[in-house]
Amino acid sequence: MKKICIPTNDRKTIAQRTGRTKEFVCYEVEDGKIVNKYFIENPHHEHEHDEGEEEEHHHNEIIEILDGVDVFVVKAVGKFLRQDLIDANVNFVRTNKDKLDEIIKDYL
């Protein structure tokens, strides 16, 4: 079974700002079919950063949510979250698609 997670704010489209997304939709895929789909709230989404903030910060809550995920699909990822994902060995890929249904089809 493969687990794929995508950040979303509206449960229909991918979030533009990954670290501040409201929640993550997680799909469990087996034999080319979705066998489970669930949402996990992002406890980091209300964390305030000043615009253009250069001070290093961490995304431990997000990394914990993504533990065991095979693919984390993002639209964009900031430099601090990107480094946290790399450090935690979270496999992330970027997409140009917007709709969750279109994105998950690439993994079925």
PDB file of N, CA and C in Angstrom:
ATOM      1  N   MET A   1       0.844  -1.177   0.000  1.00  0.00           N
ATOM      2  CA  MET A   1       0.000   0.000   0.000  1.00  0.00           C
ATOM      3  C   MET A   1       0.888   1.238   0.000  1.00  0.00           C
ATOM      4  N   LYS A   2       0.460   2.223  -0.750  1.00  0.00           N
ATOM      5  CA  LYS A   2       1.187   3.482  -0.858  1.00  0.00           C
ATOM      6  C   LYS A   2       0.350   4.583  -0.220  1.00  0.00           C
ATOM      7  N   LYS A   3       1.013   5.466   0.534  1.00  0.00           N
ATOM      8  CA  LYS A   3       0.329   6.580   1.191  1.00  0.00           C
ATOM      9  C   LYS A   3       0.806   7.887   0.563  1.00  0.00           C
ATOM     10  N   ILE A   4      -0.180   8.670   0.076  1.00  0.00           N
ATOM     11  CA  ILE A   4       0.104   9.940  -0.586  1.00  0.00           C
ATOM     12  C   ILE A   4      -0.645  11.040   0.148  1.00  0.00           C
ATOM     13  N   CYS A   5       0.041  12.120   0.500  1.00  0.00           N
ATOM     14  CA  CYS A   5      -0.594  13.246   1.191  1.00  0.00           C
ATOM     15  C   CYS A   5      -0.423  14.523   0.380  1.00  0.00           C
ATOM     16  N   ILE A   6      -1.454  15.368   0.475  1.00  0.00           N
ATOM     17  CA  ILE A   6      -1.478  16.630  -0.267  1.00  0.00           C
ATOM     18  C   ILE A   6      -2.040  17.714   0.657  1.00  0.00           C
ATOM     19  N   PRO A   7      -1.416  18.889   0.722  1.00  0.00           N
ATOM     20  CA  PRO A   7      -1.966  19.982   1.536  1.00  0.00           C
ATOM     21  C   PRO A   7      -3.200  20.592   0.863  1.00  0.00           C
ATOM     22  N   THR A   8      -4.217  20.918   1.671  1.00  0.00           N
ATOM     23  CA  THR A   8      -5.432  21.511   1.118  1.00  0.00           C
ATOM     24  C   THR A   8      -6.090  22.437   2.135  1.00  0.00           C
ATOM     25  N   ASN A   9      -6.750  23.442   1.632  1.00  0.00           N
ATOM     26  CA  ASN A   9      -7.514  24.359   2.487  1.00  0.00           C
ATOM     27  C   ASN A   9      -9.019  24.185   2.318  1.00  0.00           C
ATOM     28  N   ASP A  10      -9.420  23.577   1.198  1.00  0.00           N
ATOM     29  CA  ASP A  10     -10.844  23.491   0.879  1.00  0.00           C
ATOM     30  C   ASP A  10     -11.325  22.078   0.527  1.00  0.00           C
ATOM     31  N   ARG A  11     -10.439  21.107   0.650  1.00  0.00           N
ATOM     32  CA  ARG A  11     -10.734  19.700   0.344  1.00  0.00           C
ATOM     33  C   ARG A  11     -11.042  19.456  -1.134  1.00  0.00           C
ATOM     34  N   LYS A  12     -10.709  20.430  -1.985  1.00  0.00           N
ATOM     35  CA  LYS A  12     -10.926  20.284  -3.421  1.00  0.00           C
ATOM     36  C   LYS A  12      -9.665  20.555  -4.228  1.00  0.00           C
ATOM     37  N   THR A  13      -8.848  21.515  -3.728  1.00  0.00           N
ATOM     38  CA  THR A  13      -7.650  21.914  -4.457  1.00  0.00           C
ATOM     39  C   THR A  13      -6.434  21.862  -3.536  1.00  0.00           C
ATOM     40  N   ILE A  14      -5.270  21.826  -4.163  1.00  0.00           N
ATOM     41  CA  ILE A  14      -4.020  21.825  -3.412  1.00  0.00           C
ATOM     42  C   ILE A  14      -3.774  23.232  -2.849  1.00  0.00           C
ATOM     43  N   ALA A  15      -3.249  23.297  -1.652  1.00  0.00           N
ATOM     44  CA  ALA A  15      -2.933  24.590  -1.029  1.00  0.00           C
ATOM     45  C   ALA A  15      -1.709  25.204  -1.705  1.00  0.00           C
ATOM     46  N   GLN A  16      -1.747  26.504  -1.864  1.00  0.00           N
ATOM     47  CA  GLN A  16      -0.631  27.229  -2.477  1.00  0.00           C
ATOM     48  C   GLN A  16       0.544  27.367  -1.513  1.00  0.00           C
ATOM     49  N   ARG A  17       0.239  27.486  -0.212  1.00  0.00           N
ATOM     50  CA  ARG A  17       1.283  27.664   0.804  1.00  0.00           C
ATOM     51  C   ARG A  17       1.269  26.435   1.707  1.00  0.00           C
ATOM     52  N   THR A  18       2.172  25.538   1.462  1.00  0.00           N
ATOM     53  CA  THR A  18       2.181  24.230   2.110  1.00  0.00           C
ATOM     54  C   THR A  18       2.245  24.310   3.626  1.00  0.00           C
ATOM     55  N   GLY A  19       3.146  25.093   4.172  1.00  0.00           N
ATOM     56  CA  GLY A  19       3.323  25.160   5.618  1.00  0.00           C
ATOM     57  C   GLY A  19       2.142  25.742   6.355  1.00  0.00           C
ATOM     58  N   ARG A  20       1.356  26.556   5.669  1.00  0.00           N
ATOM     59  CA  ARG A  20       0.207  27.209   6.313  1.00  0.00           C
ATOM     60  C   ARG A  20      -1.130  26.592   5.916  1.00  0.00           C
ATOM     61  N   THR A  21      -1.080  25.440   5.259  1.00  0.00           N
ATOM     62  CA  THR A  21      -2.316  24.784   4.854  1.00  0.00           C
ATOM     63  C   THR A  21      -3.180  24.448   6.067  1.00  0.00           C
ATOM     64  N   LYS A  22      -4.482  24.415   5.866  1.00  0.00           N
ATOM     65  CA  LYS A  22      -5.407  24.089   6.943  1.00  0.00           C
ATOM     66  C   LYS A  22      -5.299  22.619   7.340  1.00  0.00           C
ATOM     67  N   GLU A  23      -5.147  21.751   6.339  1.00  0.00           N
ATOM     68  CA  GLU A  23      -5.089  20.320   6.610  1.00  0.00           C
ATOM     69  C   GLU A  23      -4.413  19.590   5.457  1.00  0.00           C
ATOM     70  N   PHE A  24      -4.229  18.299   5.668  1.00  0.00           N
ATOM     71  CA  PHE A  24      -3.645  17.428   4.654  1.00  0.00           C
ATOM     72  C   PHE A  24      -4.655  16.339   4.335  1.00  0.00           C
ATOM     73  N   VAL A  25      -4.828  16.062   3.054  1.00  0.00           N
ATOM     74  CA  VAL A  25      -5.630  14.911   2.660  1.00  0.00           C
ATOM     75  C   VAL A  25      -4.643  13.774   2.414  1.00  0.00           C
ATOM     76  N   CYS A  26      -4.936  12.631   2.993  1.00  0.00           N
ATOM     77  CA  CYS A  26      -4.074  11.465   2.834  1.00  0.00           C
ATOM     78  C   CYS A  26      -4.858  10.360   2.144  1.00  0.00           C
ATOM     79  N   TYR A  27      -4.254   9.820   1.105  1.00  0.00           N
ATOM     80  CA  TYR A  27      -4.849   8.725   0.350  1.00  0.00           C
ATOM     81  C   TYR A  27      -3.999   7.484   0.580  1.00  0.00           C
ATOM     82  N   GLU A  28      -4.654   6.378   0.822  1.00  0.00           N
ATOM     83  CA  GLU A  28      -3.978   5.090   0.842  1.00  0.00           C
ATOM     84  C   GLU A  28      -4.387   4.392  -0.443  1.00  0.00           C
ATOM     85  N   VAL A  29      -3.397   4.040  -1.252  1.00  0.00           N
ATOM     86  CA  VAL A  29      -3.622   3.496  -2.582  1.00  0.00           C
ATOM     87  C   VAL A  29      -3.042   2.088  -2.654  1.00  0.00           C
ATOM     88  N   GLU A  30      -3.847   1.199  -3.212  1.00  0.00           N
ATOM     89  CA  GLU A  30      -3.402  -0.186  -3.377  1.00  0.00           C
ATOM     90  C   GLU A  30      -3.947  -0.716  -4.697  1.00  0.00           C
ATOM     91  N   ASP A  31      -3.088  -1.342  -5.465  1.00  0.00           N
ATOM     92  CA  ASP A  31      -3.476  -1.915  -6.758  1.00  0.00           C
ATOM     93  C   ASP A  31      -4.193  -0.892  -7.645  1.00  0.00           C
ATOM     94  N   GLY A  32      -3.709   0.349  -7.630  1.00  0.00           N
ATOM     95  CA  GLY A  32      -4.264   1.383  -8.494  1.00  0.00           C
ATOM     96  C   GLY A  32      -5.598   1.945  -8.055  1.00  0.00           C
ATOM     97  N   LYS A  33      -6.002   1.655  -6.810  1.00  0.00           N
ATOM     98  CA  LYS A  33      -7.276   2.150  -6.304  1.00  0.00           C
ATOM     99  C   LYS A  33      -7.108   2.802  -4.944  1.00  0.00           C
ATOM    100  N   ILE A  34      -7.916   3.825  -4.677  1.00  0.00           N
ATOM    101  CA  ILE A  34      -7.922   4.465  -3.360  1.00  0.00           C
ATOM    102  C   ILE A  34      -8.699   3.554  -2.416  1.00  0.00           C
ATOM    103  N   VAL A  35      -8.026   3.072  -1.365  1.00  0.00           N
ATOM    104  CA  VAL A  35      -8.698   2.201  -0.401  1.00  0.00           C
ATOM    105  C   VAL A  35      -9.077   2.959   0.864  1.00  0.00           C
ATOM    106  N   ASN A  36      -8.484   4.132   1.069  1.00  0.00           N
ATOM    107  CA  ASN A  36      -8.820   4.957   2.223  1.00  0.00           C
ATOM    108  C   ASN A  36      -8.429   6.398   1.921  1.00  0.00           C
ATOM    109  N   LYS A  37      -9.238   7.326   2.421  1.00  0.00           N
ATOM    110  CA  LYS A  37      -8.970   8.757   2.264  1.00  0.00           C
ATOM    111  C   LYS A  37      -9.379   9.421   3.565  1.00  0.00           C
ATOM    112  N   TYR A  38      -8.479  10.232   4.128  1.00  0.00           N
ATOM    113  CA  TYR A  38      -8.798  10.917   5.377  1.00  0.00           C
ATOM    114  C   TYR A  38      -8.042  12.238   5.434  1.00  0.00           C
ATOM    115  N   PHE A  39      -8.490  13.104   6.349  1.00  0.00           N
ATOM    116  CA  PHE A  39      -7.914  14.439   6.492  1.00  0.00           C
ATOM    117  C   PHE A  39      -7.292  14.578   7.872  1.00  0.00           C
ATOM    118  N   ILE A  40      -6.143  15.260   7.921  1.00  0.00           N
ATOM    119  CA  ILE A  40      -5.456  15.537   9.182  1.00  0.00           C
ATOM    120  C   ILE A  40      -5.251  17.047   9.276  1.00  0.00           C
ATOM    121  N   GLU A  41      -5.729  17.639  10.358  1.00  0.00           N
ATOM    122  CA  GLU A  41      -5.553  19.075  10.565  1.00  0.00           C
ATOM    123  C   GLU A  41      -4.072  19.399  10.742  1.00  0.00           C
ATOM    124  N   ASN A  42      -3.657  20.526  10.200  1.00  0.00           N
ATOM    125  CA  ASN A  42      -2.287  21.004  10.332  1.00  0.00           C
ATOM    126  C   ASN A  42      -2.195  21.906  11.562  1.00  0.00           C
ATOM    127  N   PRO A  43      -1.584  21.439  12.654  1.00  0.00           N
ATOM    128  CA  PRO A  43      -1.480  22.285  13.841  1.00  0.00           C
ATOM    129  C   PRO A  43      -0.581  23.499  13.616  1.00  0.00           C
ATOM    130  N   HIS A  44       0.181  23.503  12.552  1.00  0.00           N
ATOM    131  CA  HIS A  44       1.109  24.592  12.237  1.00  0.00           C
ATOM    132  C   HIS A  44       0.415  25.717  11.448  1.00  0.00           C
ATOM    133  N   HIS A  45      -0.824  25.496  10.981  1.00  0.00           N
ATOM    134  CA  HIS A  45      -1.427  26.441  10.035  1.00  0.00           C
ATOM    135  C   HIS A  45      -1.711  27.815  10.622  1.00  0.00           C
ATOM    136  N   GLU A  46      -1.859  27.940  11.910  1.00  0.00           N
ATOM    137  CA  GLU A  46      -2.092  29.255  12.494  1.00  0.00           C
ATOM    138  C   GLU A  46      -0.822  29.899  13.026  1.00  0.00           C
ATOM    139  N   HIS A  47       0.310  29.232  12.815  1.00  0.00           N
ATOM    140  CA  HIS A  47       1.594  29.767  13.255  1.00  0.00           C
ATOM    141  C   HIS A  47       1.919  30.999  12.413  1.00  0.00           C
ATOM    142  N   GLU A  48       2.151  32.094  13.058  1.00  0.00           N
ATOM    143  CA  GLU A  48       2.400  33.358  12.356  1.00  0.00           C
ATOM    144  C   GLU A  48       3.881  33.531  12.023  1.00  0.00           C
ATOM    145  N   HIS A  49       4.122  33.920  10.784  1.00  0.00           N
ATOM    146  CA  HIS A  49       5.459  34.312  10.336  1.00  0.00           C
ATOM    147  C   HIS A  49       5.319  35.702   9.733  1.00  0.00           C
ATOM    148  N   ASP A  50       6.288  36.535   9.981  1.00  0.00           N
ATOM    149  CA  ASP A  50       6.276  37.841   9.331  1.00  0.00           C
ATOM    150  C   ASP A  50       6.585  37.647   7.853  1.00  0.00           C
ATOM    151  N   GLU A  51       5.956  38.435   7.016  1.00  0.00           N
ATOM    152  CA  GLU A  51       6.196  38.345   5.584  1.00  0.00           C
ATOM    153  C   GLU A  51       7.679  38.569   5.304  1.00  0.00           C
ATOM    154  N   GLY A  52       8.263  37.685   4.506  1.00  0.00           N
ATOM    155  CA  GLY A  52       9.679  37.782   4.197  1.00  0.00           C
ATOM    156  C   GLY A  52      10.573  37.347   5.343  1.00  0.00           C
ATOM    157  N   GLU A  53      10.012  36.657   6.319  1.00  0.00           N
ATOM    158  CA  GLU A  53      10.770  36.240   7.505  1.00  0.00           C
ATOM    159  C   GLU A  53      11.975  35.384   7.115  1.00  0.00           C
ATOM    160  N   GLU A  54      13.105  35.741   7.623  1.00  0.00           N
ATOM    161  CA  GLU A  54      14.327  35.004   7.338  1.00  0.00           C
ATOM    162  C   GLU A  54      14.793  34.189   8.534  1.00  0.00           C
ATOM    163  N   GLU A  55      14.181  34.397   9.681  1.00  0.00           N
ATOM    164  CA  GLU A  55      14.572  33.658  10.872  1.00  0.00           C
ATOM    165  C   GLU A  55      14.174  32.198  10.709  1.00  0.00           C
ATOM    166  N   GLU A  56      15.108  31.303  10.993  1.00  0.00           N
ATOM    167  CA  GLU A  56      14.834  29.884  10.834  1.00  0.00           C
ATOM    168  C   GLU A  56      13.735  29.446  11.782  1.00  0.00           C
ATOM    169  N   HIS A  57      12.871  28.595  11.278  1.00  0.00           N
ATOM    170  CA  HIS A  57      11.821  28.010  12.092  1.00  0.00           C
ATOM    171  C   HIS A  57      11.635  26.559  11.652  1.00  0.00           C
ATOM    172  N   HIS A  58      10.960  25.777  12.462  1.00  0.00           N
ATOM    173  CA  HIS A  58      10.827  24.349  12.176  1.00  0.00           C
ATOM    174  C   HIS A  58       9.370  23.962  12.040  1.00  0.00           C
ATOM    175  N   HIS A  59       9.159  22.837  11.426  1.00  0.00           N
ATOM    176  CA  HIS A  59       7.828  22.339  11.122  1.00  0.00           C
ATOM    177  C   HIS A  59       7.667  20.928  11.673  1.00  0.00           C
ATOM    178  N   ASN A  60       8.038  20.743  12.934  1.00  0.00           N
ATOM    179  CA  ASN A  60       8.018  19.409  13.527  1.00  0.00           C
ATOM    180  C   ASN A  60       6.638  18.766  13.479  1.00  0.00           C
ATOM    181  N   GLU A  61       5.579  19.584  13.668  1.00  0.00           N
ATOM    182  CA  GLU A  61       4.220  19.033  13.649  1.00  0.00           C
ATOM    183  C   GLU A  61       3.894  18.449  12.278  1.00  0.00           C
ATOM    184  N   ILE A  62       4.308  19.133  11.231  1.00  0.00           N
ATOM    185  CA  ILE A  62       4.061  18.655   9.874  1.00  0.00           C
ATOM    186  C   ILE A  62       4.872  17.394   9.611  1.00  0.00           C
ATOM    187  N   ILE A  63       6.104  17.381  10.025  1.00  0.00           N
ATOM    188  CA  ILE A  63       6.957  16.215   9.820  1.00  0.00           C
ATOM    189  C   ILE A  63       6.362  14.997  10.520  1.00  0.00           C
ATOM    190  N   GLU A  64       5.826  15.170  11.711  1.00  0.00           N
ATOM    191  CA  GLU A  64       5.187  14.052  12.428  1.00  0.00           C
ATOM    192  C   GLU A  64       3.983  13.525  11.653  1.00  0.00           C
ATOM    193  N   ILE A  65       3.181  14.418  11.095  1.00  0.00           N
ATOM    194  CA  ILE A  65       2.016  14.002  10.305  1.00  0.00           C
ATOM    195  C   ILE A  65       2.455  13.199   9.086  1.00  0.00           C
ATOM    196  N   LEU A  66       3.558  13.579   8.497  1.00  0.00           N
ATOM    197  CA  LEU A  66       4.016  12.945   7.263  1.00  0.00           C
ATOM    198  C   LEU A  66       4.842  11.685   7.487  1.00  0.00           C
ATOM    199  N   ASP A  67       5.016  11.288   8.734  1.00  0.00           N
ATOM    200  CA  ASP A  67       5.754  10.057   9.027  1.00  0.00           C
ATOM    201  C   ASP A  67       5.047   8.875   8.363  1.00  0.00           C
ATOM    202  N   GLY A  68       5.768   8.128   7.574  1.00  0.00           N
ATOM    203  CA  GLY A  68       5.204   6.966   6.899  1.00  0.00           C
ATOM    204  C   GLY A  68       4.568   7.260   5.554  1.00  0.00           C
ATOM    205  N   VAL A  69       4.601   8.516   5.119  1.00  0.00           N
ATOM    206  CA  VAL A  69       4.044   8.894   3.819  1.00  0.00           C
ATOM    207  C   VAL A  69       5.050   8.536   2.724  1.00  0.00           C
ATOM    208  N   ASP A  70       4.546   7.938   1.647  1.00  0.00           N
ATOM    209  CA  ASP A  70       5.417   7.577   0.525  1.00  0.00           C
ATOM    210  C   ASP A  70       5.676   8.763  -0.398  1.00  0.00           C
ATOM    211  N   VAL A  71       4.654   9.587  -0.619  1.00  0.00           N
ATOM    212  CA  VAL A  71       4.797  10.757  -1.481  1.00  0.00           C
ATOM    213  C   VAL A  71       3.995  11.914  -0.896  1.00  0.00           C
ATOM    214  N   PHE A  72       4.648  13.054  -0.739  1.00  0.00           N
ATOM    215  CA  PHE A  72       4.001  14.290  -0.299  1.00  0.00           C
ATOM    216  C   PHE A  72       4.004  15.216  -1.505  1.00  0.00           C
ATOM    217  N   VAL A  73       2.813  15.522  -2.025  1.00  0.00           N
ATOM    218  CA  VAL A  73       2.688  16.335  -3.227  1.00  0.00           C
ATOM    219  C   VAL A  73       2.420  17.779  -2.823  1.00  0.00           C
ATOM    220  N   VAL A  74       3.207  18.710  -3.348  1.00  0.00           N
ATOM    221  CA  VAL A  74       3.084  20.122  -2.997  1.00  0.00           C
ATOM    222  C   VAL A  74       3.022  20.980  -4.246  1.00  0.00           C
ATOM    223  N   LYS A  75       2.469  22.161  -4.078  1.00  0.00           N
ATOM    224  CA  LYS A  75       2.476  23.170  -5.142  1.00  0.00           C
ATOM    225  C   LYS A  75       3.767  23.980  -5.024  1.00  0.00           C
ATOM    226  N   ALA A  76       4.072  24.363  -3.795  1.00  0.00           N
ATOM    227  CA  ALA A  76       5.285  25.120  -3.494  1.00  0.00           C
ATOM    228  C   ALA A  76       5.663  24.803  -2.053  1.00  0.00           C
ATOM    229  N   VAL A  77       6.937  24.973  -1.743  1.00  0.00           N
ATOM    230  CA  VAL A  77       7.405  24.711  -0.387  1.00  0.00           C
ATOM    231  C   VAL A  77       8.499  25.719  -0.050  1.00  0.00           C
ATOM    232  N   GLY A  78       8.371  26.354   1.115  1.00  0.00           N
ATOM    233  CA  GLY A  78       9.364  27.336   1.550  1.00  0.00           C
ATOM    234  C   GLY A  78      10.682  26.673   1.923  1.00  0.00           C
ATOM    235  N   LYS A  79      11.720  27.485   2.002  1.00  0.00           N
ATOM    236  CA  LYS A  79      13.053  26.917   2.210  1.00  0.00           C
ATOM    237  C   LYS A  79      13.201  26.192   3.544  1.00  0.00           C
ATOM    238  N   PHE A  80      12.551  26.665   4.595  1.00  0.00           N
ATOM    239  CA  PHE A  80      12.701  26.002   5.894  1.00  0.00           C
ATOM    240  C   PHE A  80      11.941  24.685   5.930  1.00  0.00           C
ATOM    241  N   LEU A  81      10.724  24.678   5.393  1.00  0.00           N
ATOM    242  CA  LEU A  81       9.982  23.422   5.320  1.00  0.00           C
ATOM    243  C   LEU A  81      10.687  22.453   4.383  1.00  0.00           C
ATOM    244  N   ARG A  82      11.187  22.939   3.265  1.00  0.00           N
ATOM    245  CA  ARG A  82      11.916  22.077   2.329  1.00  0.00           C
ATOM    246  C   ARG A  82      13.071  21.383   3.040  1.00  0.00           C
ATOM    247  N   GLN A  83      13.845  22.141   3.818  1.00  0.00           N
ATOM    248  CA  GLN A  83      14.976  21.543   4.522  1.00  0.00           C
ATOM    249  C   GLN A  83      14.507  20.543   5.582  1.00  0.00           C
ATOM    250  N   ASP A  84      13.425  20.861   6.292  1.00  0.00           N
ATOM    251  CA  ASP A  84      12.889  19.924   7.286  1.00  0.00           C
ATOM    252  C   ASP A  84      12.429  18.630   6.620  1.00  0.00           C
ATOM    253  N   LEU A  85      11.812  18.728   5.439  1.00  0.00           N
ATOM    254  CA  LEU A  85      11.385  17.533   4.707  1.00  0.00           C
ATOM    255  C   LEU A  85      12.584  16.695   4.283  1.00  0.00           C
ATOM    256  N   ILE A  86      13.606  17.355   3.782  1.00  0.00           N
ATOM    257  CA  ILE A  86      14.823  16.651   3.365  1.00  0.00           C
ATOM    258  C   ILE A  86      15.473  15.974   4.566  1.00  0.00           C
ATOM    259  N   ASP A  87      15.599  16.708   5.668  1.00  0.00           N
ATOM    260  CA  ASP A  87      16.223  16.149   6.873  1.00  0.00           C
ATOM    261  C   ASP A  87      15.462  14.939   7.411  1.00  0.00           C
ATOM    262  N   ALA A  88      14.140  14.929   7.233  1.00  0.00           N
ATOM    263  CA  ALA A  88      13.301  13.836   7.743  1.00  0.00           C
ATOM    264  C   ALA A  88      13.098  12.732   6.696  1.00  0.00           C
ATOM    265  N   ASN A  89      13.762  12.874   5.548  1.00  0.00           N
ATOM    266  CA  ASN A  89      13.645  11.894   4.462  1.00  0.00           C
ATOM    267  C   ASN A  89      12.211  11.727   3.969  1.00  0.00           C
ATOM    268  N   VAL A  90      11.472  12.832   3.910  1.00  0.00           N
ATOM    269  CA  VAL A  90      10.123  12.808   3.364  1.00  0.00           C
ATOM    270  C   VAL A  90      10.230  13.055   1.860  1.00  0.00           C
ATOM    271  N   ASN A  91       9.734  12.103   1.073  1.00  0.00           N
ATOM    272  CA  ASN A  91       9.754  12.218  -0.376  1.00  0.00           C
ATOM    273  C   ASN A  91       8.670  13.199  -0.816  1.00  0.00           C
ATOM    274  N   PHE A  92       9.075  14.368  -1.319  1.00  0.00           N
ATOM    275  CA  PHE A  92       8.089  15.343  -1.786  1.00  0.00           C
ATOM    276  C   PHE A  92       8.321  15.666  -3.251  1.00  0.00           C
ATOM    277  N   VAL A  93       7.223  15.903  -3.943  1.00  0.00           N
ATOM    278  CA  VAL A  93       7.265  16.246  -5.365  1.00  0.00           C
ATOM    279  C   VAL A  93       6.367  17.446  -5.593  1.00  0.00           C
ATOM    280  N   ARG A  94       6.712  18.234  -6.575  1.00  0.00           N
ATOM    281  CA  ARG A  94       5.901  19.406  -6.927  1.00  0.00           C
ATOM    282  C   ARG A  94       4.964  19.052  -8.072  1.00  0.00           C
ATOM    283  N   THR A  95       3.823  19.711  -8.079  1.00  0.00           N
ATOM    284  CA  THR A  95       2.863  19.544  -9.169  1.00  0.00           C
ATOM    285  C   THR A  95       2.412  20.907  -9.655  1.00  0.00           C
ATOM    286  N   ASN A  96       2.006  20.972 -10.907  1.00  0.00           N
ATOM    287  CA  ASN A  96       1.424  22.187 -11.466  1.00  0.00           C
ATOM    288  C   ASN A  96      -0.099  22.105 -11.482  1.00  0.00           C
ATOM    289  N   LYS A  97      -0.627  20.934 -11.139  1.00  0.00           N
ATOM    290  CA  LYS A  97      -2.079  20.745 -11.124  1.00  0.00           C
ATOM    291  C   LYS A  97      -2.657  21.375  -9.865  1.00  0.00           C
ATOM    292  N   ASP A  98      -3.950  21.689  -9.929  1.00  0.00           N
ATOM    293  CA  ASP A  98      -4.612  22.332  -8.796  1.00  0.00           C
ATOM    294  C   ASP A  98      -5.630  21.444  -8.094  1.00  0.00           C
ATOM    295  N   LYS A  99      -6.389  20.670  -8.837  1.00  0.00           N
ATOM    296  CA  LYS A  99      -7.472  19.873  -8.262  1.00  0.00           C
ATOM    297  C   LYS A  99      -6.959  18.559  -7.684  1.00  0.00           C
ATOM    298  N   LEU A 100      -7.407  18.252  -6.467  1.00  0.00           N
ATOM    299  CA  LEU A 100      -6.963  17.029  -5.795  1.00  0.00           C
ATOM    300  C   LEU A 100      -7.258  15.790  -6.626  1.00  0.00           C
ATOM    301  N   ASP A 101      -8.446  15.743  -7.232  1.00  0.00           N
ATOM    302  CA  ASP A 101      -8.824  14.587  -8.049  1.00  0.00           C
ATOM    303  C   ASP A 101      -7.851  14.365  -9.200  1.00  0.00           C
ATOM    304  N   GLU A 102      -7.397  15.453  -9.817  1.00  0.00           N
ATOM    305  CA  GLU A 102      -6.445  15.348 -10.929  1.00  0.00           C
ATOM    306  C   GLU A 102      -5.074  14.900 -10.419  1.00  0.00           C
ATOM    307  N   ILE A 103      -4.675  15.419  -9.270  1.00  0.00           N
ATOM    308  CA  ILE A 103      -3.350  15.085  -8.727  1.00  0.00           C
ATOM    309  C   ILE A 103      -3.271  13.614  -8.350  1.00  0.00           C
ATOM    310  N   ILE A 104      -4.282  13.103  -7.644  1.00  0.00           N
ATOM    311  CA  ILE A 104      -4.209  11.713  -7.173  1.00  0.00           C
ATOM    312  C   ILE A 104      -4.270  10.728  -8.343  1.00  0.00           C
ATOM    313  N   LYS A 105      -4.897  11.112  -9.451  1.00  0.00           N
ATOM    314  CA  LYS A 105      -4.953  10.223 -10.623  1.00  0.00           C
ATOM    315  C   LYS A 105      -3.554   9.860 -11.108  1.00  0.00           C
ATOM    316  N   ASP A 106      -2.592  10.758 -10.920  1.00  0.00           N
ATOM    317  CA  ASP A 106      -1.215  10.475 -11.345  1.00  0.00           C
ATOM    318  C   ASP A 106      -0.595   9.332 -10.558  1.00  0.00           C
ATOM    319  N   TYR A 107      -1.172   8.992  -9.401  1.00  0.00           N
ATOM    320  CA  TYR A 107      -0.594   7.969  -8.538  1.00  0.00           C
ATOM    321  C   TYR A 107      -1.423   6.691  -8.490  1.00  0.00           C
ATOM    322  N   LEU A 108      -2.479   6.636  -9.304  1.00  0.00           N
ATOM    323  CA  LEU A 108      -3.317   5.430  -9.340  1.00  0.00           C
ATOM    324  C   LEU A 108      -2.846   4.473 -10.405  1.00  0.00           C
TER     325      LEU A 108
END
